[in-house]
Amino acid sequence: MHDFCFTIPYGLALVIGGDYWEGVLALDWFLSLLGYLSLKAFEKRKNSFLGLAIETVCAAILTFVMGQRYIQTSKMMPAGIVAGISALMTLFYLYKIATGGNHIPAKAE
């Protein structure tokens, strides 16, 4: 599975559900943009390791910030949900980095 397959919907879902402060909302749009750029790099048969690293950092920041908010408020919606999904995305991105990024199939001739 390629990172952009999850990053674009993840970023857009966070934007749509945006019930939190503006700094985190900016990360949501940024994640969607990074997913789009990763898709465009894939179409050119290239890997976007920088984008993957930045996606990982953004997801980790969201995990931390929303996890802290969940601990303070004990509200599952949106803080607990966003923290949980962001933690899963952070793990997915770390997996993609560990396995060498998006695997680009050999060009059929």
N, C-alpha and C. Protein backbone atom coordinates (compact mmCIF):
# COMPACT_ATOMS: atom_id res chain seq x y z
N MET A 1 0.85 -1.17 0.00
CA MET A 1 0.00 0.00 0.00
C MET A 1 0.90 1.24 0.00
N HIS A 2 0.55 2.18 -0.81
CA HIS A 2 1.34 3.41 -0.93
C HIS A 2 0.88 4.44 0.11
N ASP A 3 1.80 5.30 0.52
CA ASP A 3 1.46 6.25 1.59
C ASP A 3 0.34 7.20 1.19
N PHE A 4 0.30 7.61 -0.07
CA PHE A 4 -0.73 8.58 -0.49
C PHE A 4 -2.13 7.98 -0.46
N CYS A 5 -2.23 6.64 -0.52
CA CYS A 5 -3.55 6.00 -0.46
C CYS A 5 -4.24 6.26 0.88
N PHE A 6 -3.45 6.45 1.93
CA PHE A 6 -4.01 6.75 3.25
C PHE A 6 -3.86 8.22 3.62
N THR A 7 -2.79 8.87 3.15
CA THR A 7 -2.51 10.24 3.58
C THR A 7 -3.57 11.22 3.11
N ILE A 8 -3.98 11.12 1.87
CA ILE A 8 -4.97 12.07 1.34
C ILE A 8 -6.30 11.95 2.09
N PRO A 9 -6.87 10.73 2.24
CA PRO A 9 -8.12 10.63 3.01
C PRO A 9 -7.95 11.01 4.49
N TYR A 10 -6.80 10.65 5.07
CA TYR A 10 -6.51 10.98 6.47
C TYR A 10 -6.50 12.49 6.65
N GLY A 11 -5.77 13.20 5.81
CA GLY A 11 -5.72 14.66 5.91
C GLY A 11 -7.07 15.31 5.70
N LEU A 12 -7.81 14.84 4.69
CA LEU A 12 -9.13 15.42 4.42
C LEU A 12 -10.13 15.11 5.53
N ALA A 13 -10.05 13.91 6.11
CA ALA A 13 -10.93 13.58 7.24
C ALA A 13 -10.64 14.48 8.43
N LEU A 14 -9.38 14.77 8.65
CA LEU A 14 -9.02 15.67 9.75
C LEU A 14 -9.50 17.09 9.48
N VAL A 15 -9.42 17.53 8.23
CA VAL A 15 -9.90 18.87 7.87
C VAL A 15 -11.41 18.95 8.09
N ILE A 16 -12.13 17.95 7.63
CA ILE A 16 -13.60 17.96 7.74
C ILE A 16 -14.03 17.92 9.21
N GLY A 17 -13.33 17.15 10.03
CA GLY A 17 -13.69 17.03 11.43
C GLY A 17 -13.04 18.08 12.31
N GLY A 18 -12.40 19.09 11.71
CA GLY A 18 -11.56 20.06 12.43
C GLY A 18 -12.22 20.81 13.55
N ASP A 19 -12.26 20.24 14.74
CA ASP A 19 -12.82 20.89 15.93
C ASP A 19 -11.70 21.15 16.94
N TYR A 20 -10.62 21.76 16.47
CA TYR A 20 -9.49 22.02 17.35
C TYR A 20 -8.74 23.23 16.85
N TRP A 21 -7.69 23.60 17.54
CA TRP A 21 -7.01 24.86 17.27
C TRP A 21 -6.36 24.91 15.89
N GLU A 22 -6.14 26.14 15.42
CA GLU A 22 -5.74 26.42 14.05
C GLU A 22 -4.40 25.82 13.66
N GLY A 23 -3.45 25.69 14.60
CA GLY A 23 -2.15 25.12 14.28
C GLY A 23 -2.26 23.69 13.82
N VAL A 24 -3.15 22.94 14.46
CA VAL A 24 -3.37 21.55 14.06
C VAL A 24 -4.12 21.50 12.74
N LEU A 25 -5.05 22.42 12.53
CA LEU A 25 -5.79 22.46 11.28
C LEU A 25 -4.84 22.72 10.11
N ALA A 26 -3.82 23.53 10.31
CA ALA A 26 -2.84 23.77 9.26
C ALA A 26 -2.10 22.48 8.93
N LEU A 27 -1.82 21.64 9.92
CA LEU A 27 -1.18 20.35 9.67
C LEU A 27 -2.07 19.45 8.82
N ASP A 28 -3.37 19.54 9.01
CA ASP A 28 -4.30 18.71 8.24
C ASP A 28 -4.22 19.04 6.75
N TRP A 29 -4.26 20.32 6.43
CA TRP A 29 -4.14 20.73 5.03
C TRP A 29 -2.77 20.36 4.48
N PHE A 30 -1.74 20.53 5.31
CA PHE A 30 -0.38 20.20 4.91
C PHE A 30 -0.25 18.70 4.62
N LEU A 31 -0.88 17.86 5.43
CA LEU A 31 -0.85 16.42 5.19
C LEU A 31 -1.54 16.07 3.87
N SER A 32 -2.65 16.70 3.59
CA SER A 32 -3.34 16.45 2.32
C SER A 32 -2.46 16.85 1.15
N LEU A 33 -1.79 17.99 1.27
CA LEU A 33 -0.88 18.45 0.22
C LEU A 33 0.28 17.47 0.04
N LEU A 34 0.86 17.01 1.14
CA LEU A 34 1.96 16.04 1.06
C LEU A 34 1.51 14.74 0.40
N GLY A 35 0.32 14.29 0.71
CA GLY A 35 -0.22 13.09 0.06
C GLY A 35 -0.36 13.29 -1.43
N TYR A 36 -0.84 14.45 -1.84
CA TYR A 36 -0.98 14.76 -3.26
C TYR A 36 0.39 14.80 -3.94
N LEU A 37 1.37 15.43 -3.29
CA LEU A 37 2.71 15.50 -3.86
C LEU A 37 3.35 14.11 -3.96
N SER A 38 3.07 13.26 -2.98
CA SER A 38 3.57 11.89 -3.02
C SER A 38 2.94 11.13 -4.19
N LEU A 39 1.66 11.35 -4.43
CA LEU A 39 0.98 10.74 -5.57
C LEU A 39 1.62 11.19 -6.88
N LYS A 40 1.89 12.48 -7.00
CA LYS A 40 2.51 13.00 -8.22
C LYS A 40 3.92 12.44 -8.41
N ALA A 41 4.68 12.28 -7.33
CA ALA A 41 6.01 11.69 -7.41
C ALA A 41 5.89 10.23 -7.87
N PHE A 42 4.91 9.52 -7.36
CA PHE A 42 4.70 8.13 -7.74
C PHE A 42 4.35 8.03 -9.23
N GLU A 43 3.54 8.96 -9.72
CA GLU A 43 3.20 8.96 -11.14
C GLU A 43 4.43 9.16 -12.01
N LYS A 44 5.43 9.86 -11.48
CA LYS A 44 6.70 10.06 -12.21
C LYS A 44 7.69 8.94 -11.93
N ARG A 45 7.21 7.89 -11.23
CA ARG A 45 8.01 6.72 -10.90
C ARG A 45 9.17 7.06 -9.98
N LYS A 46 8.89 7.94 -9.00
CA LYS A 46 9.90 8.33 -8.01
C LYS A 46 9.33 8.15 -6.62
N ASN A 47 10.23 8.02 -5.66
CA ASN A 47 9.84 7.95 -4.26
C ASN A 47 9.99 9.32 -3.63
N SER A 48 9.12 9.65 -2.72
CA SER A 48 9.19 10.93 -2.03
C SER A 48 9.53 10.67 -0.56
N PHE A 49 10.82 10.38 -0.29
CA PHE A 49 11.22 10.08 1.08
C PHE A 49 11.10 11.30 1.99
N LEU A 50 11.38 12.49 1.47
CA LEU A 50 11.24 13.70 2.28
C LEU A 50 9.78 13.88 2.68
N GLY A 51 8.88 13.71 1.72
CA GLY A 51 7.45 13.83 2.02
C GLY A 51 7.00 12.80 3.03
N LEU A 52 7.50 11.58 2.91
CA LEU A 52 7.16 10.52 3.85
C LEU A 52 7.66 10.84 5.25
N ALA A 53 8.85 11.40 5.33
CA ALA A 53 9.40 11.78 6.64
C ALA A 53 8.57 12.91 7.26
N ILE A 54 8.18 13.88 6.45
CA ILE A 54 7.38 15.01 6.97
C ILE A 54 5.99 14.52 7.38
N GLU A 55 5.40 13.60 6.60
CA GLU A 55 4.11 13.03 6.97
C GLU A 55 4.21 12.32 8.33
N THR A 56 5.30 11.62 8.55
CA THR A 56 5.51 10.93 9.81
C THR A 56 5.58 11.91 10.97
N VAL A 57 6.32 12.99 10.78
CA VAL A 57 6.44 14.01 11.84
C VAL A 57 5.08 14.65 12.12
N CYS A 58 4.35 14.99 11.07
CA CYS A 58 3.02 15.61 11.26
C CYS A 58 2.08 14.68 12.01
N ALA A 59 2.05 13.40 11.64
CA ALA A 59 1.18 12.45 12.32
C ALA A 59 1.60 12.27 13.77
N ALA A 60 2.91 12.27 14.03
CA ALA A 60 3.40 12.13 15.41
C ALA A 60 3.02 13.36 16.24
N ILE A 61 3.12 14.54 15.65
CA ILE A 61 2.71 15.77 16.35
C ILE A 61 1.22 15.72 16.68
N LEU A 62 0.41 15.31 15.72
CA LEU A 62 -1.03 15.20 15.97
C LEU A 62 -1.32 14.17 17.05
N THR A 63 -0.59 13.06 17.03
CA THR A 63 -0.77 12.04 18.07
C THR A 63 -0.49 12.63 19.45
N PHE A 64 0.62 13.35 19.57
CA PHE A 64 1.00 13.93 20.85
C PHE A 64 0.01 15.00 21.31
N VAL A 65 -0.27 15.96 20.43
CA VAL A 65 -1.14 17.08 20.80
C VAL A 65 -2.55 16.60 21.16
N MET A 66 -3.11 15.77 20.31
CA MET A 66 -4.47 15.32 20.57
C MET A 66 -4.51 14.29 21.69
N GLY A 67 -3.43 13.54 21.87
CA GLY A 67 -3.35 12.63 23.01
C GLY A 67 -3.33 13.40 24.32
N GLN A 68 -2.58 14.50 24.35
CA GLN A 68 -2.56 15.35 25.55
C GLN A 68 -3.94 15.95 25.81
N ARG A 69 -4.59 16.36 24.74
CA ARG A 69 -5.94 16.93 24.90
C ARG A 69 -6.91 15.87 25.42
N TYR A 70 -6.78 14.65 24.92
CA TYR A 70 -7.64 13.56 25.39
C TYR A 70 -7.40 13.28 26.87
N ILE A 71 -6.13 13.27 27.28
CA ILE A 71 -5.79 13.02 28.68
C ILE A 71 -6.39 14.11 29.58
N GLN A 72 -6.36 15.36 29.11
CA GLN A 72 -6.87 16.48 29.90
C GLN A 72 -8.39 16.50 29.97
N THR A 73 -9.05 16.17 28.87
CA THR A 73 -10.51 16.32 28.81
C THR A 73 -11.27 14.99 28.93
N SER A 74 -10.61 13.89 28.63
CA SER A 74 -11.24 12.55 28.59
C SER A 74 -12.36 12.47 27.57
N LYS A 75 -12.35 13.37 26.60
CA LYS A 75 -13.37 13.36 25.54
C LYS A 75 -12.85 12.53 24.37
N MET A 76 -13.62 11.51 24.03
CA MET A 76 -13.22 10.63 22.95
C MET A 76 -13.34 11.32 21.60
N MET A 77 -14.31 12.23 21.49
CA MET A 77 -14.55 12.92 20.23
C MET A 77 -14.22 14.38 20.39
N PRO A 78 -13.36 14.98 19.63
CA PRO A 78 -12.53 14.42 18.57
C PRO A 78 -11.15 13.98 19.04
N ALA A 79 -10.74 14.41 20.25
CA ALA A 79 -9.35 14.23 20.67
C ALA A 79 -8.91 12.76 20.68
N GLY A 80 -9.69 11.88 21.27
CA GLY A 80 -9.31 10.48 21.36
C GLY A 80 -9.25 9.80 20.01
N ILE A 81 -10.24 10.10 19.17
CA ILE A 81 -10.28 9.51 17.82
C ILE A 81 -9.10 9.99 17.00
N VAL A 82 -8.85 11.29 16.99
CA VAL A 82 -7.74 11.84 16.20
C VAL A 82 -6.41 11.31 16.72
N ALA A 83 -6.24 11.23 18.02
CA ALA A 83 -4.99 10.70 18.59
C ALA A 83 -4.79 9.24 18.17
N GLY A 84 -5.85 8.45 18.22
CA GLY A 84 -5.75 7.04 17.84
C GLY A 84 -5.44 6.84 16.37
N ILE A 85 -6.16 7.56 15.51
CA ILE A 85 -5.92 7.44 14.07
C ILE A 85 -4.52 7.96 13.73
N SER A 86 -4.12 9.04 14.35
CA SER A 86 -2.80 9.61 14.09
C SER A 86 -1.70 8.67 14.55
N ALA A 87 -1.91 7.97 15.66
CA ALA A 87 -0.92 6.99 16.12
C ALA A 87 -0.80 5.85 15.12
N LEU A 88 -1.94 5.38 14.59
CA LEU A 88 -1.89 4.33 13.57
C LEU A 88 -1.17 4.81 12.30
N MET A 89 -1.45 6.05 11.90
CA MET A 89 -0.78 6.60 10.71
C MET A 89 0.71 6.76 10.95
N THR A 90 1.10 7.16 12.15
CA THR A 90 2.53 7.28 12.47
C THR A 90 3.20 5.92 12.33
N LEU A 91 2.57 4.88 12.84
CA LEU A 91 3.12 3.52 12.71
C LEU A 91 3.20 3.10 11.24
N PHE A 92 2.16 3.42 10.47
CA PHE A 92 2.16 3.09 9.04
C PHE A 92 3.32 3.80 8.33
N TYR A 93 3.50 5.08 8.61
CA TYR A 93 4.59 5.83 7.97
C TYR A 93 5.96 5.27 8.36
N LEU A 94 6.12 4.92 9.63
CA LEU A 94 7.39 4.32 10.07
C LEU A 94 7.63 2.99 9.36
N TYR A 95 6.58 2.22 9.17
CA TYR A 95 6.68 0.97 8.41
C TYR A 95 7.12 1.24 6.97
N LYS A 96 6.51 2.26 6.35
CA LYS A 96 6.86 2.59 4.96
C LYS A 96 8.32 3.04 4.86
N ILE A 97 8.79 3.81 5.84
CA ILE A 97 10.19 4.23 5.84
C ILE A 97 11.10 3.02 6.00
N ALA A 98 10.74 2.11 6.93
CA ALA A 98 11.58 0.93 7.20
C ALA A 98 11.65 -0.01 6.01
N THR A 99 10.58 -0.05 5.20
CA THR A 99 10.56 -0.97 4.05
C THR A 99 10.97 -0.31 2.75
N GLY A 100 11.45 0.93 2.82
CA GLY A 100 11.98 1.57 1.62
C GLY A 100 11.01 2.44 0.85
N GLY A 101 9.94 2.86 1.46
CA GLY A 101 9.00 3.79 0.81
C GLY A 101 8.04 3.08 -0.11
N ASN A 102 7.50 3.81 -1.06
CA ASN A 102 6.55 3.24 -2.02
C ASN A 102 7.31 2.36 -3.00
N HIS A 103 6.83 1.15 -3.16
CA HIS A 103 7.47 0.24 -4.10
C HIS A 103 6.90 0.50 -5.49
N ILE A 104 7.78 0.89 -6.37
CA ILE A 104 7.38 1.26 -7.71
C ILE A 104 7.58 0.05 -8.61
N PRO A 105 6.49 -0.44 -9.24
CA PRO A 105 6.62 -1.62 -10.07
C PRO A 105 7.49 -1.35 -11.31
N ALA A 106 8.11 -2.41 -11.80
CA ALA A 106 8.94 -2.27 -13.01
C ALA A 106 8.06 -1.87 -14.18
N LYS A 107 8.60 -1.02 -15.02
CA LYS A 107 7.84 -0.53 -16.16
C LYS A 107 7.68 -1.62 -17.19
N ALA A 108 6.43 -1.90 -17.56
CA ALA A 108 6.14 -2.92 -18.57
C ALA A 108 6.40 -2.34 -19.96
N GLU A 109 7.07 -3.12 -20.75
CA GLU A 109 7.38 -2.63 -22.12
C GLU A 109 6.66 -3.42 -23.15
